[in-house]
Amino acid sequence: MWDPRAYLDYGELRARPFRELVARVGAERPRRVVDAGCGPGTLTVELADRWPEATLEAFDNSPEMVAAARERGVDARLVDVTDWRSAPDTDVVVSNAVLQWVPGHEELLRRWVAELPPGAWLAVQVPGNMDAPAHRLVRHLAASEAWADRLRTVRLLGADAVYEPLDYAELLADLGCAVDVWETTYVQRLTGENAVLEWVTGTALRPIAAALAPAEWREFRRDLAPLLDEAYPPRADGTTWFPFRRIFVVARTPA
């Protein structure tokens, strides 16, 4: 279960990688533009602004996110990213912070490249911080004696959830694509109490929140908060530095 309101906390910080990803897409007049994993639709509308003549297709596997997108006027559909198939006129596919949730998404990328028309653009961004303290602490706490039994079936993102930049470059180059791959570590300055906890609540902690009763969820957050504050000490001015690595891939299918 995804909470669009929690996801939109720090909305501008979450939007920046999307905008920097799409800026590298050189399509001029695409016929169809797809937002694969559109979330609450706040960034989907920017694709419509960029390519107003294109057919805009958006989908997400979260009913809550699809409902939020529709409230913003985005004609989003409820579709899992692994089930989606491209239409023949799909010239741009954008997948922003989605594929880390798809185990073995190398095969998905292979299928997309095979199905897209010649010269289509594929733009992917994934978080590359699964080995950062925040994620390690979440996994450590979930595996602790206090929580292991209650969270045994919950899948959390591990360090192997995404590949390294060179791996993506090699994969897509071997498929004949023109490839542009890079990484950026954003040194984000978060505001407010328990700032890092609030950030991960909107993303990495959603599987845990969905698995626990409300009282247990509040307890898990209480256990996690001091661990995160120790790893990311709040400054005297009430802000917290939160480095966040992201990996970007823009590829163009062979003509």
Protein backbone atom coordinates (compact mmCIF):
# COMPACT_ATOMS: atom_id res chain seq x y z
CA MET A 1 0.00 0.00 0.00
CA TRP A 2 1.35 3.40 -1.03
CA ASP A 3 0.42 6.70 0.61
CA PRO A 4 0.59 9.49 -2.01
CA ARG A 5 0.72 12.14 0.71
CA ALA A 6 3.79 10.59 2.33
CA TYR A 7 5.44 10.14 -1.06
CA LEU A 8 4.93 13.80 -1.90
CA ASP A 9 6.75 15.00 1.23
CA TYR A 10 9.91 16.63 -0.11
CA GLY A 11 8.23 16.68 -3.51
CA GLU A 12 10.75 19.03 -5.10
CA LEU A 13 13.68 16.85 -4.03
CA ARG A 14 11.96 13.79 -5.50
CA ALA A 15 11.16 15.69 -8.71
CA ARG A 16 14.70 16.82 -9.46
CA PRO A 17 16.05 13.43 -10.65
CA PHE A 18 12.97 12.98 -12.87
CA ARG A 19 13.57 16.34 -14.54
CA GLU A 20 17.27 15.70 -15.02
CA LEU A 21 16.46 12.29 -16.52
CA VAL A 22 13.87 13.60 -18.97
CA ALA A 23 16.14 16.49 -19.97
CA ARG A 24 18.48 13.95 -21.61
CA VAL A 25 15.71 12.52 -23.81
CA GLY A 26 16.12 14.00 -27.28
CA ALA A 27 12.74 13.06 -28.76
CA GLU A 28 11.25 16.01 -30.63
CA ARG A 29 7.76 14.94 -31.71
CA PRO A 30 7.06 11.51 -30.18
CA ARG A 31 3.78 9.85 -31.02
CA ARG A 32 3.24 8.20 -27.62
CA VAL A 33 4.95 8.95 -24.29
CA VAL A 34 4.62 6.45 -21.44
CA ASP A 35 5.07 7.09 -17.73
CA ALA A 36 5.76 3.59 -16.43
CA GLY A 37 5.01 3.78 -12.72
CA CYS A 38 3.44 7.22 -12.69
CA GLY A 39 2.84 7.45 -8.94
CA PRO A 40 0.46 10.30 -7.99
CA GLY A 41 0.80 11.91 -11.43
CA THR A 42 2.55 15.08 -10.31
CA LEU A 43 5.42 14.50 -12.72
CA THR A 44 3.34 12.88 -15.46
CA VAL A 45 1.82 16.26 -16.21
CA GLU A 46 5.32 17.56 -16.94
CA LEU A 47 5.61 14.99 -19.72
CA ALA A 48 2.40 16.37 -21.19
CA ASP A 49 3.84 19.87 -21.05
CA ARG A 50 7.07 18.74 -22.71
CA TRP A 51 5.32 16.86 -25.55
CA PRO A 52 1.79 18.31 -25.85
CA GLU A 53 1.06 16.62 -29.19
CA ALA A 54 1.89 13.12 -27.97
CA THR A 55 -0.55 10.55 -26.66
CA LEU A 56 0.22 10.29 -22.96
CA GLU A 57 -0.01 6.84 -21.35
CA ALA A 58 0.41 6.43 -17.58
CA PHE A 59 0.10 3.48 -15.26
CA ASP A 60 0.99 2.30 -11.78
CA ASN A 61 0.42 -0.88 -9.77
CA SER A 62 -0.85 1.01 -6.71
CA PRO A 63 -4.61 1.75 -6.58
CA GLU A 64 -3.91 4.66 -4.24
CA MET A 65 -1.39 6.20 -6.64
CA VAL A 66 -3.66 5.68 -9.65
CA ALA A 67 -6.52 7.36 -7.81
CA ALA A 68 -4.29 10.31 -6.89
CA ALA A 69 -3.11 10.65 -10.50
CA ARG A 70 -6.67 10.62 -11.80
CA GLU A 71 -7.57 13.37 -9.36
CA ARG A 72 -4.88 15.46 -11.11
CA GLY A 73 -6.44 14.80 -14.50
CA VAL A 74 -4.04 12.05 -15.55
CA ASP A 75 -5.79 9.15 -17.28
CA ALA A 76 -3.78 6.57 -15.34
CA ARG A 77 -4.41 2.83 -15.46
CA LEU A 78 -3.83 0.14 -12.84
CA VAL A 79 -1.11 -2.02 -14.43
CA ASP A 80 1.94 -3.78 -13.04
CA VAL A 81 5.14 -2.70 -14.76
CA THR A 82 6.07 -6.32 -15.48
CA ASP A 83 2.77 -6.84 -17.34
CA TRP A 84 2.88 -3.70 -19.46
CA ARG A 85 3.34 -4.06 -23.22
CA SER A 86 4.20 -1.15 -25.47
CA ALA A 87 1.94 0.02 -28.27
CA PRO A 88 3.47 0.15 -31.77
CA ASP A 89 3.66 3.96 -31.67
CA THR A 90 5.52 4.21 -28.33
CA ASP A 91 8.44 6.55 -28.88
CA VAL A 92 9.33 7.45 -25.27
CA VAL A 93 9.19 5.37 -22.09
CA VAL A 94 10.05 6.98 -18.76
CA SER A 95 10.49 4.80 -15.66
CA ASN A 96 11.37 6.92 -12.65
CA ALA A 97 12.26 5.18 -9.36
CA VAL A 98 10.31 2.03 -10.21
CA LEU A 99 12.56 -0.79 -11.39
CA GLN A 100 14.30 -1.23 -8.03
CA TRP A 101 11.08 -3.00 -6.98
CA VAL A 102 11.36 -5.50 -9.87
CA PRO A 103 13.77 -8.37 -9.14
CA GLY A 104 15.91 -9.22 -12.15
CA HIS A 105 14.69 -6.21 -14.14
CA GLU A 106 17.47 -6.84 -16.63
CA GLU A 107 15.07 -9.15 -18.47
CA LEU A 108 12.35 -6.50 -18.42
CA LEU A 109 14.71 -4.00 -20.03
CA ARG A 110 15.63 -6.56 -22.67
CA ARG A 111 11.95 -7.07 -23.50
CA TRP A 112 11.22 -3.37 -23.67
CA VAL A 113 14.09 -2.76 -26.08
CA ALA A 114 12.89 -5.66 -28.26
CA GLU A 115 9.29 -4.42 -28.30
CA LEU A 116 9.86 -0.69 -28.79
CA PRO A 117 10.02 0.68 -32.34
CA PRO A 118 13.36 1.66 -33.88
CA GLY A 119 14.70 4.94 -32.56
CA ALA A 120 12.51 4.95 -29.43
CA TRP A 121 13.81 6.46 -26.20
CA LEU A 122 13.99 4.62 -22.89
CA ALA A 123 14.73 6.68 -19.77
CA VAL A 124 15.21 4.98 -16.40
CA GLN A 125 16.17 6.31 -12.98
CA VAL A 126 16.69 4.09 -9.94
CA PRO A 127 17.96 4.86 -6.44
CA GLY A 128 21.47 3.59 -5.95
CA ASN A 129 21.57 3.97 -2.16
CA MET A 130 20.39 0.56 -0.95
CA ASP A 131 23.69 0.05 0.84
CA ALA A 132 23.45 3.44 2.58
CA PRO A 133 22.94 3.61 6.37
CA ALA A 134 19.20 4.29 6.10
CA HIS A 135 18.49 1.08 4.19
CA ARG A 136 20.92 -0.99 6.23
CA LEU A 137 19.27 0.16 9.46
CA VAL A 138 15.78 -0.67 8.17
CA ARG A 139 16.89 -4.17 7.20
CA HIS A 140 18.74 -4.65 10.51
CA LEU A 141 15.75 -3.59 12.58
CA ALA A 142 13.33 -5.71 10.54
CA ALA A 143 15.56 -8.76 11.13
CA SER A 144 15.94 -8.11 14.86
CA GLU A 145 14.44 -10.38 17.51
CA ALA A 146 11.66 -7.87 18.17
CA TRP A 147 10.46 -7.74 14.55
CA ALA A 148 11.69 -10.76 12.61
CA ASP A 149 8.62 -12.93 13.16
CA ARG A 150 6.20 -10.16 12.24
CA LEU A 151 8.13 -9.12 9.11
CA ARG A 152 9.40 -12.47 7.92
CA THR A 153 7.45 -12.36 4.63
CA VAL A 154 8.15 -8.71 3.83
CA ARG A 155 10.52 -8.08 0.93
CA LEU A 156 12.85 -5.15 1.59
CA LEU A 157 15.19 -3.60 -0.92
CA GLY A 158 18.71 -4.99 -0.60
CA ALA A 159 22.01 -3.86 -2.04
CA ASP A 160 21.35 -6.05 -5.10
CA ALA A 161 18.03 -4.38 -5.99
CA VAL A 162 19.69 -2.36 -8.76
CA TYR A 163 22.74 -2.83 -10.93
CA GLU A 164 25.79 -0.62 -11.20
CA PRO A 165 25.89 2.05 -13.94
CA LEU A 166 28.37 0.09 -16.04
CA ASP A 167 26.10 -2.97 -15.92
CA TYR A 168 23.22 -0.99 -17.42
CA ALA A 169 25.52 0.52 -20.03
CA GLU A 170 26.86 -2.89 -21.09
CA LEU A 171 23.39 -4.46 -21.17
CA LEU A 172 21.85 -1.82 -23.42
CA ALA A 173 24.91 -1.36 -25.62
CA ASP A 174 24.96 -5.11 -26.27
CA LEU A 175 21.33 -4.77 -27.43
CA GLY A 176 22.43 -2.21 -30.02
CA CYS A 177 21.21 0.88 -28.20
CA ALA A 178 22.88 4.26 -28.05
CA VAL A 179 23.42 4.67 -24.31
CA ASP A 180 23.91 7.52 -21.85
CA VAL A 181 24.44 6.36 -18.26
CA TRP A 182 25.47 8.41 -15.25
CA GLU A 183 25.09 8.64 -11.49
CA THR A 184 24.61 11.53 -9.10
CA THR A 185 24.77 11.73 -5.32
CA TYR A 186 22.44 14.48 -4.14
CA VAL A 187 23.45 15.93 -0.78
CA GLN A 188 19.90 16.68 0.27
CA ARG A 189 19.11 19.03 3.12
CA LEU A 190 15.95 17.80 4.81
CA THR A 191 13.92 19.82 7.27
CA GLY A 192 11.85 18.94 10.31
CA GLU A 193 11.91 16.41 13.11
CA ASN A 194 12.82 12.82 12.18
CA ALA A 195 13.49 14.04 8.66
CA VAL A 196 15.13 10.89 7.30
CA LEU A 197 12.43 8.72 8.86
CA GLU A 198 9.77 10.77 7.08
CA TRP A 199 11.66 10.43 3.79
CA VAL A 200 11.91 6.63 3.93
CA THR A 201 8.32 6.37 5.16
CA GLY A 202 7.21 7.53 1.71
CA THR A 203 9.26 4.89 -0.12
CA ALA A 204 11.36 2.12 1.43
CA LEU A 205 9.14 1.58 4.47
CA ARG A 206 5.88 1.10 2.56
CA PRO A 207 6.11 -2.73 2.53
CA ILE A 208 6.58 -2.69 6.31
CA ALA A 209 3.71 -0.27 6.85
CA ALA A 210 1.45 -2.49 4.74
CA ALA A 211 2.38 -5.60 6.75
CA LEU A 212 1.84 -4.19 10.25
CA ALA A 213 -1.21 -3.17 12.22
CA PRO A 214 -1.37 0.59 12.89
CA ALA A 215 -0.11 0.27 16.48
CA GLU A 216 2.78 -1.96 15.37
CA TRP A 217 3.65 0.46 12.58
CA ARG A 218 3.90 3.31 15.06
CA GLU A 219 6.09 1.13 17.27
CA PHE A 220 8.41 0.26 14.38
CA ARG A 221 8.81 3.95 13.56
CA ARG A 222 9.60 4.71 17.19
CA ASP A 223 12.30 2.03 17.18
CA LEU A 224 13.79 3.25 13.91
CA ALA A 225 13.79 7.00 14.56
CA PRO A 226 16.75 7.17 17.00
CA LEU A 227 18.83 4.86 14.82
CA LEU A 228 18.37 7.15 11.83
CA ASP A 229 19.06 10.26 13.90
CA GLU A 230 22.33 8.71 15.01
CA ALA A 231 23.34 7.86 11.45
CA TYR A 232 22.18 11.22 10.10
CA PRO A 233 22.62 13.71 12.97
CA PRO A 234 20.23 16.68 12.86
CA ARG A 235 21.96 20.05 12.70
CA ALA A 236 21.45 22.82 15.24
CA ASP A 237 19.28 24.68 12.71
CA GLY A 238 16.81 21.78 12.49
CA THR A 239 17.96 20.47 9.11
CA THR A 240 19.56 17.12 8.29
CA TRP A 241 22.01 16.21 5.53
CA PHE A 242 20.85 13.11 3.66
CA PRO A 243 23.15 11.99 0.81
CA PHE A 244 21.21 10.07 -1.82
CA ARG A 245 22.78 8.31 -4.81
CA ARG A 246 20.77 7.84 -7.99
CA ILE A 247 21.53 6.03 -11.25
CA PHE A 248 20.30 7.31 -14.61
CA VAL A 249 19.99 5.46 -17.91
CA VAL A 250 18.88 6.94 -21.23
CA ALA A 251 18.96 4.64 -24.22
CA ARG A 252 17.76 4.82 -27.82
CA THR A 253 16.74 1.65 -29.55
CA PRO A 254 18.65 0.74 -32.72
CA ALA A 255 17.31 2.18 -35.95
